[in-house]
N, C-alpha and C. Protein backbone atom coordinates (compact mmCIF):
# COMPACT_ATOMS: atom_id res chain seq x y z
N UNK A 1 0.84 -1.19 0.00
CA UNK A 1 0.00 0.00 0.00
C UNK A 1 0.88 1.25 0.00
N UNK A 2 0.63 2.18 -0.92
CA UNK A 2 1.38 3.42 -0.98
C UNK A 2 0.95 4.34 0.17
N UNK A 3 1.88 5.07 0.78
CA UNK A 3 1.54 5.90 1.94
C UNK A 3 0.41 6.89 1.69
N UNK A 4 0.37 7.49 0.49
CA UNK A 4 -0.66 8.49 0.20
C UNK A 4 -1.93 7.89 -0.39
N UNK A 5 -1.96 6.59 -0.53
CA UNK A 5 -3.14 5.95 -1.12
C UNK A 5 -4.29 5.95 -0.13
N UNK A 6 -5.45 6.36 -0.59
CA UNK A 6 -6.67 6.30 0.21
C UNK A 6 -7.29 4.91 0.04
N UNK A 7 -7.52 4.22 1.15
CA UNK A 7 -8.15 2.91 1.10
C UNK A 7 -9.37 2.94 2.01
N UNK A 8 -10.53 2.69 1.41
CA UNK A 8 -11.80 2.73 2.14
C UNK A 8 -12.35 1.33 2.27
N UNK A 9 -12.72 0.96 3.49
CA UNK A 9 -13.37 -0.32 3.77
C UNK A 9 -14.85 -0.04 4.01
N UNK A 10 -15.73 -0.81 3.33
CA UNK A 10 -17.15 -0.55 3.50
C UNK A 10 -18.02 -1.63 2.91
N UNK A 11 -19.33 -1.36 2.94
CA UNK A 11 -20.32 -2.30 2.41
C UNK A 11 -21.34 -1.54 1.58
N UNK A 12 -21.80 -2.16 0.49
CA UNK A 12 -22.72 -1.47 -0.43
C UNK A 12 -24.11 -1.28 0.17
N UNK A 13 -24.44 -1.95 1.27
CA UNK A 13 -25.75 -1.76 1.91
C UNK A 13 -25.71 -0.73 3.03
N UNK A 14 -24.57 -0.13 3.27
CA UNK A 14 -24.37 0.72 4.44
C UNK A 14 -24.38 2.20 4.09
N UNK A 15 -25.31 2.95 4.72
CA UNK A 15 -25.30 4.39 4.51
C UNK A 15 -24.05 5.02 5.12
N UNK A 16 -23.52 4.42 6.17
CA UNK A 16 -22.28 4.93 6.76
C UNK A 16 -21.13 4.82 5.77
N UNK A 17 -21.10 3.74 4.99
CA UNK A 17 -20.08 3.58 3.96
C UNK A 17 -20.30 4.56 2.81
N UNK A 18 -21.57 4.82 2.52
CA UNK A 18 -21.90 5.70 1.38
C UNK A 18 -21.37 7.11 1.59
N UNK A 19 -21.38 7.60 2.82
CA UNK A 19 -20.99 8.99 3.06
C UNK A 19 -19.56 9.27 2.59
N UNK A 20 -18.54 8.55 3.07
CA UNK A 20 -17.19 8.83 2.56
C UNK A 20 -17.02 8.43 1.10
N UNK A 21 -17.75 7.41 0.67
CA UNK A 21 -17.67 7.01 -0.74
C UNK A 21 -18.19 8.13 -1.63
N UNK A 22 -19.28 8.76 -1.22
CA UNK A 22 -19.82 9.88 -2.00
C UNK A 22 -18.86 11.05 -1.99
N UNK A 23 -18.25 11.32 -0.85
CA UNK A 23 -17.26 12.40 -0.79
C UNK A 23 -16.16 12.17 -1.82
N UNK A 24 -15.59 10.97 -1.83
CA UNK A 24 -14.49 10.67 -2.74
C UNK A 24 -14.92 10.76 -4.19
N UNK A 25 -16.15 10.34 -4.47
CA UNK A 25 -16.67 10.40 -5.84
C UNK A 25 -16.86 11.85 -6.28
N UNK A 26 -17.43 12.67 -5.41
CA UNK A 26 -17.66 14.07 -5.75
C UNK A 26 -16.36 14.85 -5.83
N UNK A 27 -15.39 14.48 -5.01
CA UNK A 27 -14.08 15.14 -5.03
C UNK A 27 -13.21 14.64 -6.18
N UNK A 28 -13.67 13.60 -6.85
CA UNK A 28 -12.97 13.01 -8.00
C UNK A 28 -11.58 12.53 -7.59
N UNK A 29 -11.52 11.83 -6.44
CA UNK A 29 -10.25 11.34 -5.92
C UNK A 29 -10.12 9.84 -6.15
N UNK A 30 -8.95 9.37 -6.59
CA UNK A 30 -8.75 7.92 -6.74
C UNK A 30 -8.58 7.27 -5.36
N UNK A 31 -9.04 6.04 -5.23
CA UNK A 31 -8.89 5.32 -3.97
C UNK A 31 -9.09 3.83 -4.21
N UNK A 32 -8.69 3.06 -3.23
CA UNK A 32 -8.93 1.62 -3.23
C UNK A 32 -10.14 1.33 -2.35
N UNK A 33 -11.00 0.43 -2.83
CA UNK A 33 -12.15 0.04 -2.02
C UNK A 33 -12.00 -1.42 -1.62
N UNK A 34 -12.19 -1.68 -0.32
CA UNK A 34 -12.15 -3.04 0.19
C UNK A 34 -13.50 -3.37 0.80
N UNK A 35 -14.19 -4.33 0.21
CA UNK A 35 -15.54 -4.65 0.66
C UNK A 35 -15.51 -5.48 1.94
N UNK A 36 -16.43 -5.17 2.83
CA UNK A 36 -16.60 -5.88 4.09
C UNK A 36 -18.01 -6.46 4.06
N UNK A 37 -18.12 -7.77 3.92
CA UNK A 37 -19.41 -8.43 3.78
C UNK A 37 -20.10 -8.52 5.14
N UNK A 38 -21.05 -7.62 5.37
CA UNK A 38 -21.73 -7.58 6.66
C UNK A 38 -22.62 -8.81 6.86
N UNK A 39 -23.21 -9.29 5.78
CA UNK A 39 -24.10 -10.45 5.88
C UNK A 39 -23.35 -11.68 6.37
N UNK A 40 -22.09 -11.80 5.96
CA UNK A 40 -21.28 -12.95 6.37
C UNK A 40 -20.50 -12.71 7.65
N UNK A 41 -20.69 -11.54 8.26
CA UNK A 41 -20.05 -11.26 9.53
C UNK A 41 -18.57 -10.95 9.46
N UNK A 42 -18.10 -10.53 8.28
CA UNK A 42 -16.67 -10.24 8.12
C UNK A 42 -16.23 -9.12 9.07
N UNK A 43 -17.15 -8.21 9.38
CA UNK A 43 -16.81 -7.07 10.24
C UNK A 43 -16.44 -7.49 11.66
N UNK A 44 -16.78 -8.71 12.05
CA UNK A 44 -16.49 -9.19 13.40
C UNK A 44 -15.31 -10.16 13.43
N UNK A 45 -14.67 -10.38 12.29
CA UNK A 45 -13.55 -11.29 12.23
C UNK A 45 -12.25 -10.58 12.64
N UNK A 46 -11.29 -11.34 13.18
CA UNK A 46 -10.08 -10.71 13.72
C UNK A 46 -9.33 -9.80 12.76
N UNK A 47 -9.25 -10.19 11.49
CA UNK A 47 -8.50 -9.38 10.53
C UNK A 47 -9.11 -7.99 10.40
N UNK A 48 -10.44 -7.94 10.37
CA UNK A 48 -11.07 -6.62 10.23
C UNK A 48 -11.10 -5.88 11.56
N UNK A 49 -11.28 -6.58 12.66
CA UNK A 49 -11.26 -5.93 13.98
C UNK A 49 -9.91 -5.27 14.25
N UNK A 50 -8.86 -5.77 13.60
CA UNK A 50 -7.55 -5.13 13.73
C UNK A 50 -7.53 -3.77 13.03
N UNK A 51 -8.46 -3.56 12.11
CA UNK A 51 -8.58 -2.28 11.40
C UNK A 51 -9.58 -1.38 12.11
N UNK A 52 -10.74 -1.94 12.45
CA UNK A 52 -11.80 -1.18 13.12
C UNK A 52 -12.26 -1.96 14.35
N UNK A 53 -11.80 -1.53 15.50
CA UNK A 53 -12.07 -2.27 16.74
C UNK A 53 -13.55 -2.32 17.10
N UNK A 54 -14.37 -1.46 16.47
CA UNK A 54 -15.80 -1.47 16.75
C UNK A 54 -16.55 -2.53 15.94
N UNK A 55 -15.87 -3.13 14.97
CA UNK A 55 -16.52 -4.13 14.14
C UNK A 55 -17.61 -3.54 13.27
N UNK A 56 -17.35 -2.34 12.75
CA UNK A 56 -18.32 -1.63 11.93
C UNK A 56 -17.65 -1.12 10.66
N UNK A 57 -18.47 -0.70 9.71
CA UNK A 57 -17.97 0.02 8.54
C UNK A 57 -18.50 1.45 8.64
N UNK A 58 -17.73 2.39 8.05
CA UNK A 58 -16.53 2.25 7.25
C UNK A 58 -15.26 2.39 8.08
N UNK A 59 -14.14 2.22 7.38
CA UNK A 59 -12.82 2.56 7.92
C UNK A 59 -12.00 3.11 6.76
N UNK A 60 -11.13 4.04 7.07
CA UNK A 60 -10.27 4.65 6.06
C UNK A 60 -8.83 4.52 6.50
N UNK A 61 -7.97 4.13 5.57
CA UNK A 61 -6.53 4.12 5.82
C UNK A 61 -5.85 5.10 4.87
N UNK A 62 -4.96 5.93 5.43
CA UNK A 62 -4.31 6.96 4.63
C UNK A 62 -3.10 7.49 5.39
N UNK A 63 -1.98 7.54 4.73
CA UNK A 63 -0.75 8.12 5.29
C UNK A 63 -0.39 7.50 6.64
N UNK A 64 -0.57 6.19 6.74
CA UNK A 64 -0.22 5.49 7.96
C UNK A 64 -1.25 5.60 9.07
N UNK A 65 -2.35 6.30 8.81
CA UNK A 65 -3.41 6.47 9.80
C UNK A 65 -4.58 5.55 9.49
N UNK A 66 -5.32 5.18 10.51
CA UNK A 66 -6.58 4.48 10.35
C UNK A 66 -7.66 5.33 11.02
N UNK A 67 -8.67 5.73 10.24
CA UNK A 67 -9.75 6.59 10.72
C UNK A 67 -11.05 5.81 10.62
N UNK A 68 -11.83 5.80 11.68
CA UNK A 68 -13.12 5.12 11.67
C UNK A 68 -14.21 6.11 12.09
N UNK A 69 -15.48 5.67 11.92
CA UNK A 69 -16.68 6.48 12.12
C UNK A 69 -16.84 7.43 10.92
N UNK A 70 -17.98 7.31 10.26
CA UNK A 70 -18.17 7.97 8.96
C UNK A 70 -18.00 9.48 9.02
N UNK A 71 -18.53 10.13 10.04
CA UNK A 71 -18.42 11.58 10.09
C UNK A 71 -17.01 12.05 10.43
N UNK A 72 -16.29 11.27 11.21
CA UNK A 72 -14.88 11.59 11.48
C UNK A 72 -14.08 11.46 10.18
N UNK A 73 -14.42 10.44 9.39
CA UNK A 73 -13.75 10.27 8.10
C UNK A 73 -14.02 11.46 7.19
N UNK A 74 -15.28 11.93 7.16
CA UNK A 74 -15.60 13.10 6.34
C UNK A 74 -14.79 14.32 6.78
N UNK A 75 -14.71 14.54 8.07
CA UNK A 75 -13.93 15.66 8.60
C UNK A 75 -12.46 15.51 8.21
N UNK A 76 -11.94 14.31 8.36
CA UNK A 76 -10.54 14.06 8.00
C UNK A 76 -10.30 14.34 6.52
N UNK A 77 -11.19 13.83 5.66
CA UNK A 77 -11.01 14.02 4.23
C UNK A 77 -11.08 15.50 3.86
N UNK A 78 -12.00 16.24 4.47
CA UNK A 78 -12.11 17.66 4.17
C UNK A 78 -10.84 18.40 4.59
N UNK A 79 -10.32 18.07 5.77
CA UNK A 79 -9.09 18.72 6.23
C UNK A 79 -7.89 18.35 5.36
N UNK A 80 -7.85 17.09 4.93
CA UNK A 80 -6.66 16.57 4.24
C UNK A 80 -6.65 16.91 2.76
N UNK A 81 -7.81 16.82 2.11
CA UNK A 81 -7.86 17.02 0.67
C UNK A 81 -8.33 18.41 0.27
N UNK A 82 -8.98 19.14 1.20
CA UNK A 82 -9.40 20.50 0.92
C UNK A 82 -10.72 20.65 0.22
N UNK A 83 -11.41 19.54 -0.04
CA UNK A 83 -12.71 19.62 -0.70
C UNK A 83 -13.84 19.68 0.32
N UNK A 84 -14.85 20.49 0.03
CA UNK A 84 -16.12 20.50 0.77
C UNK A 84 -15.94 20.80 2.26
N UNK A 85 -14.93 21.57 2.58
CA UNK A 85 -14.65 21.88 3.99
C UNK A 85 -15.45 23.07 4.49
N UNK A 86 -15.82 23.98 3.60
CA UNK A 86 -16.41 25.26 3.98
C UNK A 86 -15.44 26.38 3.63
N UNK A 87 -16.00 27.51 3.17
CA UNK A 87 -15.16 28.58 2.65
C UNK A 87 -14.50 29.41 3.74
N UNK A 88 -15.09 29.45 4.93
CA UNK A 88 -14.55 30.24 6.02
C UNK A 88 -14.40 29.35 7.25
N UNK A 89 -13.69 29.87 8.27
CA UNK A 89 -13.54 29.09 9.49
C UNK A 89 -14.90 28.84 10.14
N UNK A 90 -15.77 29.85 10.12
CA UNK A 90 -17.10 29.65 10.69
C UNK A 90 -17.86 28.56 9.95
N UNK A 91 -17.79 28.57 8.63
CA UNK A 91 -18.47 27.54 7.85
C UNK A 91 -17.91 26.15 8.15
N UNK A 92 -16.62 26.08 8.35
CA UNK A 92 -16.00 24.78 8.66
C UNK A 92 -16.52 24.23 9.98
N UNK A 93 -16.64 25.10 10.99
CA UNK A 93 -17.16 24.64 12.27
C UNK A 93 -18.65 24.32 12.18
N UNK A 94 -19.38 25.12 11.42
CA UNK A 94 -20.82 24.86 11.28
C UNK A 94 -21.07 23.54 10.56
N UNK A 95 -20.25 23.25 9.56
CA UNK A 95 -20.38 21.96 8.86
C UNK A 95 -20.15 20.80 9.83
N UNK A 96 -19.16 20.94 10.71
CA UNK A 96 -18.91 19.87 11.68
C UNK A 96 -20.05 19.77 12.70
N UNK A 97 -20.65 20.91 13.04
CA UNK A 97 -21.82 20.88 13.93
C UNK A 97 -22.94 20.04 13.30
N UNK A 98 -23.15 20.22 12.01
CA UNK A 98 -24.17 19.43 11.32
C UNK A 98 -23.85 17.94 11.40
N UNK A 99 -22.58 17.59 11.26
CA UNK A 99 -22.21 16.17 11.33
C UNK A 99 -22.50 15.61 12.72
N UNK A 100 -22.24 16.39 13.75
CA UNK A 100 -22.54 15.95 15.11
C UNK A 100 -24.04 15.81 15.31
N UNK A 101 -24.79 16.77 14.82
CA UNK A 101 -26.25 16.71 14.91
C UNK A 101 -26.80 15.52 14.14
N UNK A 102 -26.24 15.27 12.98
CA UNK A 102 -26.68 14.13 12.16
C UNK A 102 -26.53 12.82 12.92
N UNK A 103 -25.42 12.66 13.62
CA UNK A 103 -25.16 11.41 14.33
C UNK A 103 -26.20 11.15 15.42
N UNK A 104 -26.76 12.21 15.98
CA UNK A 104 -27.77 12.06 17.02
C UNK A 104 -29.20 11.97 16.47
N UNK A 105 -29.43 12.52 15.28
CA UNK A 105 -30.80 12.70 14.81
C UNK A 105 -31.12 11.98 13.51
N UNK A 106 -30.35 12.22 12.46
CA UNK A 106 -30.67 11.57 11.18
C UNK A 106 -30.39 10.08 11.25
N UNK A 107 -29.59 9.67 12.21
CA UNK A 107 -29.39 8.23 12.40
C UNK A 107 -30.71 7.50 12.63
N UNK A 108 -31.74 8.22 13.10
CA UNK A 108 -33.05 7.59 13.26
C UNK A 108 -33.66 7.19 11.92
N UNK A 109 -33.32 7.91 10.85
CA UNK A 109 -33.76 7.51 9.52
C UNK A 109 -33.16 6.16 9.16
N UNK A 110 -31.89 5.97 9.49
CA UNK A 110 -31.22 4.69 9.22
C UNK A 110 -31.84 3.58 10.04
N UNK A 111 -32.23 3.88 11.28
CA UNK A 111 -32.85 2.85 12.12
C UNK A 111 -34.19 2.41 11.55
N UNK A 112 -35.00 3.37 11.11
CA UNK A 112 -36.30 3.03 10.52
C UNK A 112 -36.11 2.18 9.28
N UNK A 113 -35.13 2.54 8.46
CA UNK A 113 -34.83 1.74 7.27
C UNK A 113 -34.37 0.35 7.65
N UNK A 114 -33.49 0.24 8.65
CA UNK A 114 -32.96 -1.05 9.07
C UNK A 114 -34.08 -1.95 9.59
N UNK A 115 -34.96 -1.39 10.41
CA UNK A 115 -36.04 -2.19 10.99
C UNK A 115 -37.11 -2.52 9.96
N UNK A 116 -37.19 -1.73 8.89
CA UNK A 116 -38.14 -2.02 7.83
C UNK A 116 -37.64 -3.10 6.89
N UNK A 117 -36.33 -3.12 6.66
CA UNK A 117 -35.79 -4.00 5.62
C UNK A 117 -35.03 -5.21 6.16
N UNK A 118 -34.27 -5.02 7.22
CA UNK A 118 -33.33 -6.06 7.63
C UNK A 118 -33.69 -6.78 8.93
N UNK A 119 -34.50 -6.17 9.75
CA UNK A 119 -34.76 -6.75 11.06
C UNK A 119 -36.16 -6.41 11.53
N UNK A 120 -37.00 -7.40 11.70
CA UNK A 120 -38.36 -7.19 12.19
C UNK A 120 -38.34 -6.87 13.68
N UNK A 121 -39.06 -5.85 14.08
CA UNK A 121 -39.13 -5.46 15.48
C UNK A 121 -40.59 -5.25 15.88
N UNK A 122 -40.82 -5.18 17.16
CA UNK A 122 -42.16 -4.91 17.67
C UNK A 122 -42.65 -3.56 17.10
N UNK A 123 -43.90 -3.46 16.69
CA UNK A 123 -44.42 -2.20 16.15
C UNK A 123 -44.18 -1.00 17.06
N UNK A 124 -44.13 -1.25 18.36
CA UNK A 124 -43.89 -0.15 19.30
C UNK A 124 -42.51 0.48 19.08
N UNK A 125 -41.56 -0.32 18.64
CA UNK A 125 -40.22 0.21 18.36
C UNK A 125 -40.28 1.18 17.18
N UNK A 126 -40.98 0.79 16.13
CA UNK A 126 -41.13 1.67 14.97
C UNK A 126 -41.94 2.91 15.33
N UNK A 127 -42.94 2.74 16.19
CA UNK A 127 -43.73 3.89 16.62
C UNK A 127 -42.88 4.91 17.37
N UNK A 128 -41.80 4.43 17.98
CA UNK A 128 -40.89 5.33 18.68
C UNK A 128 -39.93 6.02 17.71
N UNK A 129 -39.33 5.25 16.81
CA UNK A 129 -38.27 5.81 15.97
C UNK A 129 -38.79 6.58 14.76
N UNK A 130 -39.95 6.22 14.22
CA UNK A 130 -40.41 6.89 13.00
C UNK A 130 -40.66 8.39 13.22
N UNK A 131 -41.33 8.81 14.30
CA UNK A 131 -41.47 10.26 14.51
C UNK A 131 -40.14 10.98 14.67
N UNK A 132 -39.16 10.33 15.29
CA UNK A 132 -37.84 10.94 15.42
C UNK A 132 -37.18 11.10 14.05
N UNK A 133 -37.34 10.10 13.19
CA UNK A 133 -36.79 10.18 11.84
C UNK A 133 -37.47 11.29 11.05
N UNK A 134 -38.77 11.36 11.14
CA UNK A 134 -39.51 12.40 10.41
C UNK A 134 -39.14 13.79 10.91
N UNK A 135 -38.95 13.93 12.22
CA UNK A 135 -38.56 15.22 12.77
C UNK A 135 -37.17 15.64 12.28
N UNK A 136 -36.27 14.68 12.14
CA UNK A 136 -34.92 14.99 11.65
C UNK A 136 -34.97 15.48 10.21
N UNK A 137 -35.74 14.79 9.37
CA UNK A 137 -35.86 15.22 7.97
C UNK A 137 -36.52 16.59 7.90
N UNK A 138 -37.53 16.81 8.75
CA UNK A 138 -38.21 18.10 8.76
C UNK A 138 -37.25 19.22 9.16
N UNK A 139 -36.34 18.93 10.09
CA UNK A 139 -35.36 19.94 10.51
C UNK A 139 -34.44 20.31 9.36
N UNK A 140 -34.00 19.33 8.59
CA UNK A 140 -33.17 19.62 7.43
C UNK A 140 -33.97 20.41 6.40
N UNK A 141 -35.22 20.03 6.20
CA UNK A 141 -36.08 20.74 5.25
C UNK A 141 -36.22 22.21 5.65
N UNK A 142 -36.41 22.45 6.93
CA UNK A 142 -36.52 23.82 7.43
C UNK A 142 -35.22 24.59 7.22
N UNK A 143 -34.09 23.95 7.47
CA UNK A 143 -32.80 24.62 7.32
C UNK A 143 -32.51 24.98 5.87
N UNK A 144 -33.09 24.25 4.94
CA UNK A 144 -32.85 24.49 3.51
C UNK A 144 -33.82 25.49 2.89
N UNK A 145 -34.74 25.99 3.67
CA UNK A 145 -35.69 26.97 3.14
C UNK A 145 -34.95 28.22 2.66
N UNK A 146 -35.10 28.54 1.39
CA UNK A 146 -34.49 29.74 0.83
C UNK A 146 -33.00 29.64 0.57
N UNK A 147 -32.44 28.43 0.65
CA UNK A 147 -31.02 28.28 0.38
C UNK A 147 -30.75 26.96 -0.33
N UNK A 148 -29.61 26.88 -1.01
CA UNK A 148 -29.28 25.68 -1.77
C UNK A 148 -28.58 24.62 -0.95
N UNK A 149 -27.77 25.05 0.04
CA UNK A 149 -26.93 24.12 0.79
C UNK A 149 -27.05 24.40 2.27
N UNK A 150 -26.67 23.45 3.08
CA UNK A 150 -26.83 23.60 4.52
C UNK A 150 -25.90 24.65 5.11
N UNK A 151 -24.72 24.82 4.51
CA UNK A 151 -23.73 25.75 5.04
C UNK A 151 -23.15 26.56 3.89
N UNK A 152 -23.19 27.86 3.97
CA UNK A 152 -22.54 28.68 2.95
C UNK A 152 -23.21 28.60 1.60
N UNK A 153 -22.41 28.91 0.58
CA UNK A 153 -22.93 29.00 -0.79
C UNK A 153 -22.61 27.79 -1.65
N UNK A 154 -22.00 26.77 -1.06
CA UNK A 154 -21.66 25.59 -1.83
C UNK A 154 -21.77 24.35 -0.97
N UNK A 155 -21.70 23.19 -1.59
CA UNK A 155 -21.82 21.94 -0.83
C UNK A 155 -20.63 21.73 0.09
N UNK A 156 -20.90 21.18 1.26
CA UNK A 156 -19.86 20.88 2.23
C UNK A 156 -20.08 19.47 2.76
N UNK A 157 -19.21 19.07 3.68
CA UNK A 157 -19.38 17.77 4.33
C UNK A 157 -20.68 17.70 5.11
N UNK A 158 -21.27 18.84 5.44
CA UNK A 158 -22.59 18.82 6.08
C UNK A 158 -23.63 18.22 5.15
N UNK A 159 -23.62 18.64 3.90
CA UNK A 159 -24.57 18.11 2.91
C UNK A 159 -24.29 16.63 2.64
N UNK A 160 -23.02 16.29 2.47
CA UNK A 160 -22.66 14.91 2.17
C UNK A 160 -23.02 13.99 3.33
N UNK A 161 -22.72 14.44 4.56
CA UNK A 161 -23.00 13.61 5.72
C UNK A 161 -24.48 13.43 5.97
N UNK A 162 -25.25 14.51 5.87
CA UNK A 162 -26.69 14.40 6.11
C UNK A 162 -27.39 13.64 5.00
N UNK A 163 -27.11 13.98 3.75
CA UNK A 163 -27.74 13.25 2.66
C UNK A 163 -27.31 11.78 2.66
N UNK A 164 -26.05 11.53 2.94
CA UNK A 164 -25.56 10.17 2.93
C UNK A 164 -26.28 9.26 3.90
N UNK A 165 -26.76 9.82 5.02
CA UNK A 165 -27.54 9.03 5.97
C UNK A 165 -29.01 8.94 5.56
N UNK A 166 -29.51 9.97 4.86
CA UNK A 166 -30.92 10.02 4.49
C UNK A 166 -31.22 9.28 3.20
N UNK A 167 -30.20 8.89 2.48
CA UNK A 167 -30.37 8.41 1.12
C UNK A 167 -31.30 7.21 1.01
N UNK A 168 -31.33 6.37 2.05
CA UNK A 168 -32.17 5.18 2.03
C UNK A 168 -33.55 5.42 2.66
N UNK A 169 -33.95 6.66 2.82
CA UNK A 169 -35.18 6.96 3.55
C UNK A 169 -36.41 6.28 2.95
N UNK A 170 -36.45 6.17 1.63
CA UNK A 170 -37.62 5.53 1.01
C UNK A 170 -37.75 4.07 1.42
N UNK A 171 -36.62 3.40 1.70
CA UNK A 171 -36.66 2.01 2.12
C UNK A 171 -37.27 1.86 3.52
N UNK A 172 -37.37 2.98 4.23
CA UNK A 172 -38.04 2.98 5.52
C UNK A 172 -39.44 3.56 5.46
N UNK A 173 -39.93 3.79 4.24
CA UNK A 173 -41.27 4.32 4.07
C UNK A 173 -41.38 5.82 4.23
N UNK A 174 -40.24 6.52 4.17
CA UNK A 174 -40.22 7.98 4.25
C UNK A 174 -40.05 8.53 2.84
N UNK A 175 -41.12 9.00 2.26
CA UNK A 175 -41.09 9.48 0.87
C UNK A 175 -40.58 10.91 0.83
N UNK A 176 -39.53 11.13 0.08
CA UNK A 176 -38.82 12.40 0.08
C UNK A 176 -39.70 13.55 -0.40
N UNK A 177 -40.71 13.26 -1.22
CA UNK A 177 -41.58 14.31 -1.75
C UNK A 177 -42.35 15.05 -0.64
N UNK A 178 -42.43 14.45 0.53
CA UNK A 178 -43.11 15.10 1.66
C UNK A 178 -42.37 16.35 2.13
N UNK A 179 -41.09 16.42 1.80
CA UNK A 179 -40.24 17.53 2.25
C UNK A 179 -39.65 18.21 1.01
N UNK A 180 -40.33 19.23 0.47
CA UNK A 180 -39.93 19.79 -0.83
C UNK A 180 -38.53 20.38 -0.86
N UNK A 181 -38.08 20.99 0.23
CA UNK A 181 -36.73 21.57 0.23
C UNK A 181 -35.67 20.48 0.21
N UNK A 182 -35.92 19.41 0.95
CA UNK A 182 -35.00 18.27 0.92
C UNK A 182 -34.99 17.63 -0.46
N UNK A 183 -36.16 17.52 -1.07
CA UNK A 183 -36.25 16.92 -2.40
C UNK A 183 -35.44 17.74 -3.41
N UNK A 184 -35.60 19.07 -3.38
CA UNK A 184 -34.85 19.94 -4.30
C UNK A 184 -33.35 19.85 -4.03
N UNK A 185 -32.98 19.80 -2.76
CA UNK A 185 -31.57 19.67 -2.36
C UNK A 185 -30.98 18.36 -2.88
N UNK A 186 -31.73 17.29 -2.80
CA UNK A 186 -31.24 16.00 -3.30
C UNK A 186 -30.99 16.06 -4.81
N UNK A 187 -31.82 16.82 -5.52
CA UNK A 187 -31.63 16.96 -6.97
C UNK A 187 -30.38 17.79 -7.28
N UNK A 188 -30.11 18.79 -6.46
CA UNK A 188 -28.87 19.57 -6.65
C UNK A 188 -27.65 18.68 -6.44
N UNK A 189 -27.68 17.87 -5.40
CA UNK A 189 -26.58 16.94 -5.17
C UNK A 189 -26.43 15.98 -6.35
N UNK A 190 -27.56 15.47 -6.83
CA UNK A 190 -27.53 14.49 -7.92
C UNK A 190 -26.97 15.08 -9.21
N UNK A 191 -27.03 16.40 -9.35
CA UNK A 191 -26.52 17.05 -10.56
C UNK A 191 -25.01 17.26 -10.52
N UNK A 192 -24.39 17.01 -9.38
CA UNK A 192 -22.95 17.22 -9.27
C UNK A 192 -22.18 16.11 -9.99
N UNK A 193 -21.10 16.44 -10.70
CA UNK A 193 -20.28 15.42 -11.36
C UNK A 193 -19.76 14.40 -10.35
N UNK A 194 -19.91 13.14 -10.69
CA UNK A 194 -19.44 12.07 -9.82
C UNK A 194 -20.51 11.49 -8.93
N UNK A 195 -21.65 12.18 -8.82
CA UNK A 195 -22.70 11.69 -7.93
C UNK A 195 -23.30 10.38 -8.44
N UNK A 196 -23.61 9.51 -7.51
CA UNK A 196 -24.38 8.29 -7.81
C UNK A 196 -25.02 7.83 -6.51
N UNK A 197 -26.10 7.09 -6.64
CA UNK A 197 -26.76 6.51 -5.47
C UNK A 197 -25.99 5.29 -4.99
N UNK A 198 -26.22 4.86 -3.75
CA UNK A 198 -25.36 3.83 -3.16
C UNK A 198 -25.20 2.56 -3.96
N UNK A 199 -26.31 1.97 -4.42
CA UNK A 199 -26.20 0.67 -5.09
C UNK A 199 -25.45 0.78 -6.42
N UNK A 200 -25.42 1.98 -7.00
CA UNK A 200 -24.65 2.19 -8.23
C UNK A 200 -23.22 2.60 -7.93
N UNK A 201 -23.00 3.21 -6.77
CA UNK A 201 -21.69 3.77 -6.47
C UNK A 201 -20.77 2.80 -5.75
N UNK A 202 -21.29 2.08 -4.77
CA UNK A 202 -20.44 1.26 -3.90
C UNK A 202 -20.24 -0.12 -4.50
N UNK A 203 -19.01 -0.52 -4.77
CA UNK A 203 -18.76 -1.85 -5.37
C UNK A 203 -19.12 -2.98 -4.41
N UNK A 204 -19.39 -4.14 -4.98
CA UNK A 204 -19.66 -5.33 -4.19
C UNK A 204 -18.42 -6.19 -4.01
N UNK A 205 -17.30 -5.75 -4.57
CA UNK A 205 -16.04 -6.48 -4.43
C UNK A 205 -14.90 -5.48 -4.39
N UNK A 206 -13.74 -5.95 -3.98
CA UNK A 206 -12.55 -5.08 -3.92
C UNK A 206 -12.26 -4.51 -5.29
N UNK A 207 -11.92 -3.24 -5.32
CA UNK A 207 -11.65 -2.61 -6.62
C UNK A 207 -10.82 -1.35 -6.43
N UNK A 208 -10.21 -0.90 -7.51
CA UNK A 208 -9.50 0.37 -7.54
C UNK A 208 -10.39 1.36 -8.28
N UNK A 209 -10.63 2.51 -7.67
CA UNK A 209 -11.52 3.51 -8.25
C UNK A 209 -10.68 4.68 -8.75
N UNK A 210 -10.74 4.91 -10.05
CA UNK A 210 -10.01 6.02 -10.67
C UNK A 210 -11.01 6.83 -11.45
N UNK A 211 -11.39 8.03 -10.97
CA UNK A 211 -12.37 8.86 -11.67
C UNK A 211 -11.93 9.18 -13.09
N UNK A 212 -12.88 9.20 -13.99
CA UNK A 212 -12.57 9.51 -15.39
C UNK A 212 -12.22 10.97 -15.54
């Protein structure tokens, strides 16, 4: 492995993996992708636990460092590569605030999707998490009123991190059309060069990604 080579470990079913993958695609950066088969439990095997002690995806290796947790990876990539960081110091901190807020709130969208598609739970569990997920999307919708992006005049890691977690919302029965500002924002993101949705973007096997 070359010291400056970006190597991302992830899974094509994971919104957490999608966030840094989308960053790299939009930044048009070459990287190596190493798939971690969650269905087969690869994330809990010793070889992978040596990379990510939490037994989760994603993980990033770069310049001798190992970075885990999707939003920490986004922050690291923005600091290291200079893309989508925010134009001013205030914007940079505000973008990170959004990532922290996302981890507490938009993660409920991922839970609703997970319980809808991958794991059956008592209806009372969904009755608890669905309003939290809807409130999180509504908060993003409100923040986007009258503006194109969450922070400043251009896309930042705030947009990538929040959208990257929300991307599977329809799989949890949350139809994006209910939130017009979020819907328009998603179309702006989709118009960016390099953008793709998770199942089209994230490989199912190890590969080298070199943007055209």
